[in-house]
């Protein structure tokens, strides 16, 4: 990604996922769709990370992926904060 896109996009919060160290090393050398296929990552795991479904994990769609994931992260953060404000957890 760093060779194809501006570093501000590559390093944006919408491109950060929570991975363990082993997964992170393995992931960094492969396109996202290939990594997910090779490691049998289930759709619910992607959902937990607010990763947009279907079709946005190709490098050619990286900017659209960031837009959609940013929107989803913002919506989930807003819902969480609203839940706190209304006394929920």
PDB file of N, CA and C in Angstrom:
ATOM      1  N   UNK A   1       0.810  -1.185   0.000  1.00  0.00           N
ATOM      2  CA  UNK A   1       0.000   0.000   0.000  1.00  0.00           C
ATOM      3  C   UNK A   1       0.864   1.263   0.000  1.00  0.00           C
ATOM      4  N   UNK A   2       1.944   1.227   0.756  1.00  0.00           N
ATOM      5  CA  UNK A   2       2.777   2.420   0.878  1.00  0.00           C
ATOM      6  C   UNK A   2       3.390   2.827  -0.447  1.00  0.00           C
ATOM      7  N   UNK A   3       3.561   1.879  -1.364  1.00  0.00           N
ATOM      8  CA  UNK A   3       4.109   2.211  -2.672  1.00  0.00           C
ATOM      9  C   UNK A   3       3.052   2.764  -3.611  1.00  0.00           C
ATOM     10  N   UNK A   4       1.786   2.541  -3.313  1.00  0.00           N
ATOM     11  CA  UNK A   4       0.715   2.918  -4.225  1.00  0.00           C
ATOM     12  C   UNK A   4      -0.112   4.114  -3.768  1.00  0.00           C
ATOM     13  N   UNK A   5      -0.092   4.423  -2.469  1.00  0.00           N
ATOM     14  CA  UNK A   5      -0.957   5.476  -1.945  1.00  0.00           C
ATOM     15  C   UNK A   5      -0.179   6.396  -1.013  1.00  0.00           C
ATOM     16  N   UNK A   6      -0.681   7.608  -0.877  1.00  0.00           N
ATOM     17  CA  UNK A   6      -0.098   8.591   0.026  1.00  0.00           C
ATOM     18  C   UNK A   6      -0.083   8.039   1.452  1.00  0.00           C
ATOM     19  N   UNK A   7       0.955   8.336   2.191  1.00  0.00           N
ATOM     20  CA  UNK A   7       1.095   7.797   3.551  1.00  0.00           C
ATOM     21  C   UNK A   7      -0.017   8.260   4.488  1.00  0.00           C
ATOM     22  N   UNK A   8      -0.611   9.421   4.237  1.00  0.00           N
ATOM     23  CA  UNK A   8      -1.715   9.860   5.101  1.00  0.00           C
ATOM     24  C   UNK A   8      -2.919   8.942   4.962  1.00  0.00           C
ATOM     25  N   UNK A   9      -3.118   8.363   3.784  1.00  0.00           N
ATOM     26  CA  UNK A   9      -4.197   7.392   3.600  1.00  0.00           C
ATOM     27  C   UNK A   9      -3.834   6.061   4.239  1.00  0.00           C
ATOM     28  N   UNK A  10      -2.628   5.607   3.980  1.00  0.00           N
ATOM     29  CA  UNK A  10      -2.179   4.311   4.496  1.00  0.00           C
ATOM     30  C   UNK A  10      -2.178   4.298   6.022  1.00  0.00           C
ATOM     31  N   UNK A  11      -1.797   5.420   6.618  1.00  0.00           N
ATOM     32  CA  UNK A  11      -1.696   5.492   8.072  1.00  0.00           C
ATOM     33  C   UNK A  11      -2.969   6.015   8.747  1.00  0.00           C
ATOM     34  N   UNK A  12      -4.038   6.212   7.993  1.00  0.00           N
ATOM     35  CA  UNK A  12      -5.269   6.758   8.570  1.00  0.00           C
ATOM     36  C   UNK A  12      -5.907   5.752   9.528  1.00  0.00           C
ATOM     37  N   UNK A  13      -6.685   6.266  10.452  1.00  0.00           N
ATOM     38  CA  UNK A  13      -7.333   5.403  11.439  1.00  0.00           C
ATOM     39  C   UNK A  13      -8.268   4.393  10.783  1.00  0.00           C
ATOM     40  N   UNK A  14      -8.800   4.738   9.625  1.00  0.00           N
ATOM     41  CA  UNK A  14      -9.691   3.814   8.918  1.00  0.00           C
ATOM     42  C   UNK A  14      -8.946   2.619   8.335  1.00  0.00           C
ATOM     43  N   UNK A  15      -7.616   2.664   8.367  1.00  0.00           N
ATOM     44  CA  UNK A  15      -6.823   1.548   7.858  1.00  0.00           C
ATOM     45  C   UNK A  15      -6.141   0.778   8.985  1.00  0.00           C
ATOM     46  N   UNK A  16      -6.573   0.991  10.199  1.00  0.00           N
ATOM     47  CA  UNK A  16      -5.986   0.301  11.343  1.00  0.00           C
ATOM     48  C   UNK A  16      -6.937  -0.797  11.816  1.00  0.00           C
ATOM     49  N   UNK A  17      -6.385  -1.974  12.012  1.00  0.00           N
ATOM     50  CA  UNK A  17      -7.154  -3.090  12.557  1.00  0.00           C
ATOM     51  C   UNK A  17      -6.410  -3.643  13.765  1.00  0.00           C
ATOM     52  N   UNK A  18      -7.148  -4.223  14.676  1.00  0.00           N
ATOM     53  CA  UNK A  18      -6.545  -4.830  15.855  1.00  0.00           C
ATOM     54  C   UNK A  18      -6.164  -6.262  15.494  1.00  0.00           C
ATOM     55  N   UNK A  19      -4.866  -6.508  15.471  1.00  0.00           N
ATOM     56  CA  UNK A  19      -4.321  -7.830  15.135  1.00  0.00           C
ATOM     57  C   UNK A  19      -3.249  -8.195  16.144  1.00  0.00           C
ATOM     58  N   UNK A  20      -3.079  -9.496  16.347  1.00  0.00           N
ATOM     59  CA  UNK A  20      -1.949  -9.887  17.175  1.00  0.00           C
ATOM     60  C   UNK A  20      -0.675  -9.767  16.338  1.00  0.00           C
ATOM     61  N   UNK A  21       0.471  -9.843  16.986  1.00  0.00           N
ATOM     62  CA  UNK A  21       1.747  -9.607  16.312  1.00  0.00           C
ATOM     63  C   UNK A  21       1.980 -10.577  15.148  1.00  0.00           C
ATOM     64  N   UNK A  22       1.679 -11.841  15.353  1.00  0.00           N
ATOM     65  CA  UNK A  22       1.887 -12.849  14.306  1.00  0.00           C
ATOM     66  C   UNK A  22       1.012 -12.542  13.092  1.00  0.00           C
ATOM     67  N   UNK A  23      -0.248 -12.242  13.330  1.00  0.00           N
ATOM     68  CA  UNK A  23      -1.158 -11.922  12.232  1.00  0.00           C
ATOM     69  C   UNK A  23      -0.715 -10.654  11.510  1.00  0.00           C
ATOM     70  N   UNK A  24      -0.266  -9.676  12.255  1.00  0.00           N
ATOM     71  CA  UNK A  24       0.172  -8.422  11.662  1.00  0.00           C
ATOM     72  C   UNK A  24       1.345  -8.644  10.709  1.00  0.00           C
ATOM     73  N   UNK A  25       2.311  -9.438  11.122  1.00  0.00           N
ATOM     74  CA  UNK A  25       3.465  -9.723  10.249  1.00  0.00           C
ATOM     75  C   UNK A  25       3.022 -10.466   8.998  1.00  0.00           C
ATOM     76  N   UNK A  26       2.129 -11.411   9.156  1.00  0.00           N
ATOM     77  CA  UNK A  26       1.639 -12.198   8.036  1.00  0.00           C
ATOM     78  C   UNK A  26       0.810 -11.343   7.082  1.00  0.00           C
ATOM     79  N   UNK A  27       0.010 -10.458   7.648  1.00  0.00           N
ATOM     80  CA  UNK A  27      -0.890  -9.636   6.851  1.00  0.00           C
ATOM     81  C   UNK A  27      -0.133  -8.621   6.006  1.00  0.00           C
ATOM     82  N   UNK A  28       0.901  -8.028   6.559  1.00  0.00           N
ATOM     83  CA  UNK A  28       1.557  -6.903   5.903  1.00  0.00           C
ATOM     84  C   UNK A  28       2.145  -7.235   4.541  1.00  0.00           C
ATOM     85  N   UNK A  29       2.422  -8.468   4.275  1.00  0.00           N
ATOM     86  CA  UNK A  29       3.054  -8.831   3.013  1.00  0.00           C
ATOM     87  C   UNK A  29       2.062  -9.257   1.940  1.00  0.00           C
ATOM     88  N   UNK A  30       0.770  -9.253   2.239  1.00  0.00           N
ATOM     89  CA  UNK A  30      -0.228  -9.758   1.292  1.00  0.00           C
ATOM     90  C   UNK A  30      -1.337  -8.747   1.063  1.00  0.00           C
ATOM     91  N   UNK A  31      -1.937  -8.797  -0.131  1.00  0.00           N
ATOM     92  CA  UNK A  31      -3.151  -7.988  -0.330  1.00  0.00           C
ATOM     93  C   UNK A  31      -4.240  -8.477   0.625  1.00  0.00           C
ATOM     94  N   UNK A  32      -5.099  -7.584   1.105  1.00  0.00           N
ATOM     95  CA  UNK A  32      -6.103  -7.965   2.099  1.00  0.00           C
ATOM     96  C   UNK A  32      -6.964  -9.170   1.712  1.00  0.00           C
ATOM     97  N   UNK A  33      -7.494  -9.189   0.504  1.00  0.00           N
ATOM     98  CA  UNK A  33      -8.376 -10.295   0.102  1.00  0.00           C
ATOM     99  C   UNK A  33      -7.635 -11.629   0.143  1.00  0.00           C
ATOM    100  N   UNK A  34      -6.365 -11.625  -0.235  1.00  0.00           N
ATOM    101  CA  UNK A  34      -5.568 -12.854  -0.231  1.00  0.00           C
ATOM    102  C   UNK A  34      -5.318 -13.337   1.201  1.00  0.00           C
ATOM    103  N   UNK A  35      -4.973 -12.410   2.083  1.00  0.00           N
ATOM    104  CA  UNK A  35      -4.749 -12.764   3.487  1.00  0.00           C
ATOM    105  C   UNK A  35      -6.001 -13.393   4.090  1.00  0.00           C
ATOM    106  N   UNK A  36      -7.135 -12.755   3.870  1.00  0.00           N
ATOM    107  CA  UNK A  36      -8.390 -13.251   4.444  1.00  0.00           C
ATOM    108  C   UNK A  36      -8.724 -14.645   3.929  1.00  0.00           C
ATOM    109  N   UNK A  37      -8.501 -14.863   2.649  1.00  0.00           N
ATOM    110  CA  UNK A  37      -8.753 -16.179   2.059  1.00  0.00           C
ATOM    111  C   UNK A  37      -7.783 -17.216   2.626  1.00  0.00           C
ATOM    112  N   UNK A  38      -6.500 -16.899   2.630  1.00  0.00           N
ATOM    113  CA  UNK A  38      -5.467 -17.834   3.109  1.00  0.00           C
ATOM    114  C   UNK A  38      -5.687 -18.247   4.560  1.00  0.00           C
ATOM    115  N   UNK A  39      -6.189 -17.332   5.361  1.00  0.00           N
ATOM    116  CA  UNK A  39      -6.337 -17.585   6.800  1.00  0.00           C
ATOM    117  C   UNK A  39      -7.767 -17.900   7.215  1.00  0.00           C
ATOM    118  N   UNK A  40      -8.655 -18.017   6.242  1.00  0.00           N
ATOM    119  CA  UNK A  40     -10.039 -18.395   6.545  1.00  0.00           C
ATOM    120  C   UNK A  40     -10.730 -17.442   7.505  1.00  0.00           C
ATOM    121  N   UNK A  41     -10.494 -16.151   7.347  1.00  0.00           N
ATOM    122  CA  UNK A  41     -11.100 -15.166   8.243  1.00  0.00           C
ATOM    123  C   UNK A  41     -12.604 -15.118   7.979  1.00  0.00           C
ATOM    124  N   UNK A  42     -13.369 -15.320   9.023  1.00  0.00           N
ATOM    125  CA  UNK A  42     -14.826 -15.365   8.919  1.00  0.00           C
ATOM    126  C   UNK A  42     -15.414 -13.953   8.814  1.00  0.00           C
ATOM    127  N   UNK A  43     -16.543 -13.825   8.139  1.00  0.00           N
ATOM    128  CA  UNK A  43     -17.186 -12.509   7.988  1.00  0.00           C
ATOM    129  C   UNK A  43     -17.470 -11.810   9.316  1.00  0.00           C
ATOM    130  N   UNK A  44     -17.821 -12.566  10.343  1.00  0.00           N
ATOM    131  CA  UNK A  44     -18.108 -11.929  11.638  1.00  0.00           C
ATOM    132  C   UNK A  44     -16.868 -11.283  12.252  1.00  0.00           C
ATOM    133  N   UNK A  45     -15.698 -11.806  11.938  1.00  0.00           N
ATOM    134  CA  UNK A  45     -14.454 -11.181  12.425  1.00  0.00           C
ATOM    135  C   UNK A  45     -14.241  -9.835  11.735  1.00  0.00           C
ATOM    136  N   UNK A  46     -14.580  -9.769  10.451  1.00  0.00           N
ATOM    137  CA  UNK A  46     -14.476  -8.500   9.733  1.00  0.00           C
ATOM    138  C   UNK A  46     -15.491  -7.506  10.283  1.00  0.00           C
ATOM    139  N   UNK A  47     -16.679  -7.985  10.585  1.00  0.00           N
ATOM    140  CA  UNK A  47     -17.722  -7.134  11.139  1.00  0.00           C
ATOM    141  C   UNK A  47     -17.282  -6.537  12.476  1.00  0.00           C
ATOM    142  N   UNK A  48     -16.604  -7.328  13.294  1.00  0.00           N
ATOM    143  CA  UNK A  48     -16.102  -6.846  14.587  1.00  0.00           C
ATOM    144  C   UNK A  48     -15.131  -5.683  14.408  1.00  0.00           C
ATOM    145  N   UNK A  49     -14.446  -5.647  13.273  1.00  0.00           N
ATOM    146  CA  UNK A  49     -13.462  -4.599  13.002  1.00  0.00           C
ATOM    147  C   UNK A  49     -14.039  -3.484  12.112  1.00  0.00           C
ATOM    148  N   UNK A  50     -15.351  -3.530  11.878  1.00  0.00           N
ATOM    149  CA  UNK A  50     -16.039  -2.527  11.052  1.00  0.00           C
ATOM    150  C   UNK A  50     -15.496  -2.488   9.624  1.00  0.00           C
ATOM    151  N   UNK A  51     -15.120  -3.647   9.115  1.00  0.00           N
ATOM    152  CA  UNK A  51     -14.609  -3.739   7.746  1.00  0.00           C
ATOM    153  C   UNK A  51     -15.802  -3.860   6.805  1.00  0.00           C
ATOM    154  N   UNK A  52     -15.871  -2.999   5.784  1.00  0.00           N
ATOM    155  CA  UNK A  52     -16.990  -3.063   4.847  1.00  0.00           C
ATOM    156  C   UNK A  52     -17.054  -4.411   4.137  1.00  0.00           C
ATOM    157  N   UNK A  53     -18.255  -4.884   3.945  1.00  0.00           N
ATOM    158  CA  UNK A  53     -18.462  -6.192   3.318  1.00  0.00           C
ATOM    159  C   UNK A  53     -18.263  -6.122   1.810  1.00  0.00           C
ATOM    160  N   UNK A  54     -17.900  -7.246   1.271  1.00  0.00           N
ATOM    161  CA  UNK A  54     -17.862  -7.520  -0.161  1.00  0.00           C
ATOM    162  C   UNK A  54     -17.374  -6.412  -1.076  1.00  0.00           C
ATOM    163  N   UNK A  55     -16.323  -6.717  -1.763  1.00  0.00           N
ATOM    164  CA  UNK A  55     -15.884  -5.903  -2.866  1.00  0.00           C
ATOM    165  C   UNK A  55     -14.959  -4.744  -2.573  1.00  0.00           C
ATOM    166  N   UNK A  56     -14.681  -4.452  -1.325  1.00  0.00           N
ATOM    167  CA  UNK A  56     -13.843  -3.292  -1.028  1.00  0.00           C
ATOM    168  C   UNK A  56     -12.474  -3.673  -0.480  1.00  0.00           C
ATOM    169  N   UNK A  57     -12.114  -4.933  -0.599  1.00  0.00           N
ATOM    170  CA  UNK A  57     -10.828  -5.368  -0.069  1.00  0.00           C
ATOM    171  C   UNK A  57      -9.761  -5.525  -1.151  1.00  0.00           C
ATOM    172  N   UNK A  58     -10.067  -5.061  -2.341  1.00  0.00           N
ATOM    173  CA  UNK A  58      -9.080  -5.060  -3.415  1.00  0.00           C
ATOM    174  C   UNK A  58      -8.281  -3.760  -3.325  1.00  0.00           C
ATOM    175  N   UNK A  59      -6.998  -3.853  -3.604  1.00  0.00           N
ATOM    176  CA  UNK A  59      -6.129  -2.674  -3.522  1.00  0.00           C
ATOM    177  C   UNK A  59      -6.671  -1.540  -4.395  1.00  0.00           C
ATOM    178  N   UNK A  60      -7.230  -1.867  -5.528  1.00  0.00           N
ATOM    179  CA  UNK A  60      -7.746  -0.833  -6.437  1.00  0.00           C
ATOM    180  C   UNK A  60      -8.914  -0.053  -5.829  1.00  0.00           C
ATOM    181  N   UNK A  61      -9.538  -0.580  -4.785  1.00  0.00           N
ATOM    182  CA  UNK A  61     -10.677   0.081  -4.147  1.00  0.00           C
ATOM    183  C   UNK A  61     -10.316   0.606  -2.755  1.00  0.00           C
ATOM    184  N   UNK A  62      -9.035   0.798  -2.511  1.00  0.00           N
ATOM    185  CA  UNK A  62      -8.564   1.189  -1.192  1.00  0.00           C
ATOM    186  C   UNK A  62      -9.189   2.496  -0.704  1.00  0.00           C
ATOM    187  N   UNK A  63      -9.246   3.496  -1.553  1.00  0.00           N
ATOM    188  CA  UNK A  63      -9.796   4.780  -1.110  1.00  0.00           C
ATOM    189  C   UNK A  63     -11.285   4.668  -0.777  1.00  0.00           C
ATOM    190  N   UNK A  64     -12.031   3.898  -1.546  1.00  0.00           N
ATOM    191  CA  UNK A  64     -13.454   3.677  -1.244  1.00  0.00           C
ATOM    192  C   UNK A  64     -13.603   2.878   0.058  1.00  0.00           C
ATOM    193  N   UNK A  65     -12.710   1.897   0.265  1.00  0.00           N
ATOM    194  CA  UNK A  65     -12.690   1.134   1.514  1.00  0.00           C
ATOM    195  C   UNK A  65     -12.527   2.093   2.697  1.00  0.00           C
ATOM    196  N   UNK A  66     -11.552   3.002   2.612  1.00  0.00           N
ATOM    197  CA  UNK A  66     -11.318   3.941   3.709  1.00  0.00           C
ATOM    198  C   UNK A  66     -12.539   4.810   3.971  1.00  0.00           C
ATOM    199  N   UNK A  67     -13.180   5.281   2.911  1.00  0.00           N
ATOM    200  CA  UNK A  67     -14.375   6.109   3.066  1.00  0.00           C
ATOM    201  C   UNK A  67     -15.480   5.338   3.778  1.00  0.00           C
ATOM    202  N   UNK A  68     -15.765   4.149   3.304  1.00  0.00           N
ATOM    203  CA  UNK A  68     -16.844   3.354   3.898  1.00  0.00           C
ATOM    204  C   UNK A  68     -16.517   2.941   5.330  1.00  0.00           C
ATOM    205  N   UNK A  69     -15.273   2.563   5.574  1.00  0.00           N
ATOM    206  CA  UNK A  69     -14.912   2.151   6.937  1.00  0.00           C
ATOM    207  C   UNK A  69     -14.928   3.342   7.881  1.00  0.00           C
ATOM    208  N   UNK A  70     -14.478   4.493   7.415  1.00  0.00           N
ATOM    209  CA  UNK A  70     -14.524   5.709   8.244  1.00  0.00           C
ATOM    210  C   UNK A  70     -15.959   6.023   8.658  1.00  0.00           C
ATOM    211  N   UNK A  71     -16.862   5.925   7.698  1.00  0.00           N
ATOM    212  CA  UNK A  71     -18.273   6.187   7.992  1.00  0.00           C
ATOM    213  C   UNK A  71     -18.814   5.201   9.024  1.00  0.00           C
ATOM    214  N   UNK A  72     -18.445   3.949   8.868  1.00  0.00           N
ATOM    215  CA  UNK A  72     -18.939   2.935   9.807  1.00  0.00           C
ATOM    216  C   UNK A  72     -18.331   3.117  11.193  1.00  0.00           C
ATOM    217  N   UNK A  73     -17.035   3.393  11.261  1.00  0.00           N
ATOM    218  CA  UNK A  73     -16.387   3.628  12.552  1.00  0.00           C
ATOM    219  C   UNK A  73     -17.023   4.829  13.252  1.00  0.00           C
ATOM    220  N   UNK A  74     -17.300   5.888  12.501  1.00  0.00           N
ATOM    221  CA  UNK A  74     -17.923   7.080  13.084  1.00  0.00           C
ATOM    222  C   UNK A  74     -19.323   6.761  13.594  1.00  0.00           C
ATOM    223  N   UNK A  75     -20.091   6.012  12.825  1.00  0.00           N
ATOM    224  CA  UNK A  75     -21.455   5.657  13.245  1.00  0.00           C
ATOM    225  C   UNK A  75     -21.426   4.797  14.501  1.00  0.00           C
ATOM    226  N   UNK A  76     -20.516   3.840  14.555  1.00  0.00           N
ATOM    227  CA  UNK A  76     -20.436   2.964  15.729  1.00  0.00           C
ATOM    228  C   UNK A  76     -19.946   3.722  16.955  1.00  0.00           C
ATOM    229  N   UNK A  77     -19.003   4.643  16.771  1.00  0.00           N
ATOM    230  CA  UNK A  77     -18.524   5.447  17.897  1.00  0.00           C
ATOM    231  C   UNK A  77     -19.635   6.356  18.415  1.00  0.00           C
ATOM    232  N   UNK A  78     -20.384   6.947  17.508  1.00  0.00           N
ATOM    233  CA  UNK A  78     -21.505   7.825  17.886  1.00  0.00           C
ATOM    234  C   UNK A  78     -22.547   7.031  18.672  1.00  0.00           C
ATOM    235  N   UNK A  79     -22.893   5.864  18.175  1.00  0.00           N
ATOM    236  CA  UNK A  79     -23.881   5.033  18.873  1.00  0.00           C
ATOM    237  C   UNK A  79     -23.394   4.642  20.257  1.00  0.00           C
ATOM    238  N   UNK A  80     -22.123   4.347  20.379  1.00  0.00           N
ATOM    239  CA  UNK A  80     -21.553   3.976  21.681  1.00  0.00           C
ATOM    240  C   UNK A  80     -21.642   5.142  22.667  1.00  0.00           C
ATOM    241  N   UNK A  81     -21.244   6.324  22.203  1.00  0.00           N
ATOM    242  CA  UNK A  81     -21.271   7.509  23.079  1.00  0.00           C
ATOM    243  C   UNK A  81     -22.712   7.862  23.449  1.00  0.00           C
ATOM    244  N   UNK A  82     -23.624   7.749  22.509  1.00  0.00           N
ATOM    245  CA  UNK A  82     -25.029   8.015  22.808  1.00  0.00           C
ATOM    246  C   UNK A  82     -25.553   7.020  23.840  1.00  0.00           C
ATOM    247  N   UNK A  83     -25.107   5.781  23.744  1.00  0.00           N
ATOM    248  CA  UNK A  83     -25.499   4.776  24.715  1.00  0.00           C
ATOM    249  C   UNK A  83     -24.988   5.124  26.109  1.00  0.00           C
ATOM    250  N   UNK A  84     -23.780   5.635  26.181  1.00  0.00           N
ATOM    251  CA  UNK A  84     -23.234   6.055  27.468  1.00  0.00           C
ATOM    252  C   UNK A  84     -24.040   7.232  28.043  1.00  0.00           C
ATOM    253  N   UNK A  85     -24.400   8.158  27.165  1.00  0.00           N
ATOM    254  CA  UNK A  85     -25.137   9.335  27.604  1.00  0.00           C
ATOM    255  C   UNK A  85     -26.529   8.990  28.114  1.00  0.00           C
ATOM    256  N   UNK A  86     -27.083   7.912  27.579  1.00  0.00           N
ATOM    257  CA  UNK A  86     -28.439   7.524  28.011  1.00  0.00           C
ATOM    258  C   UNK A  86     -28.403   6.514  29.151  1.00  0.00           C
ATOM    259  N   UNK A  87     -27.222   6.292  29.703  1.00  0.00           N
ATOM    260  CA  UNK A  87     -27.093   5.408  30.851  1.00  0.00           C
ATOM    261  C   UNK A  87     -26.785   3.973  30.517  1.00  0.00           C
ATOM    262  N   UNK A  88     -26.643   3.650  29.242  1.00  0.00           N
ATOM    263  CA  UNK A  88     -26.283   2.287  28.827  1.00  0.00           C
ATOM    264  C   UNK A  88     -24.783   2.107  28.840  1.00  0.00           C
ATOM    265  N   UNK A  89     -24.348   0.899  28.538  1.00  0.00           N
ATOM    266  CA  UNK A  89     -22.918   0.671  28.500  1.00  0.00           C
ATOM    267  C   UNK A  89     -22.589   0.042  27.239  1.00  0.00           C
TER     268      UNK A  89
END
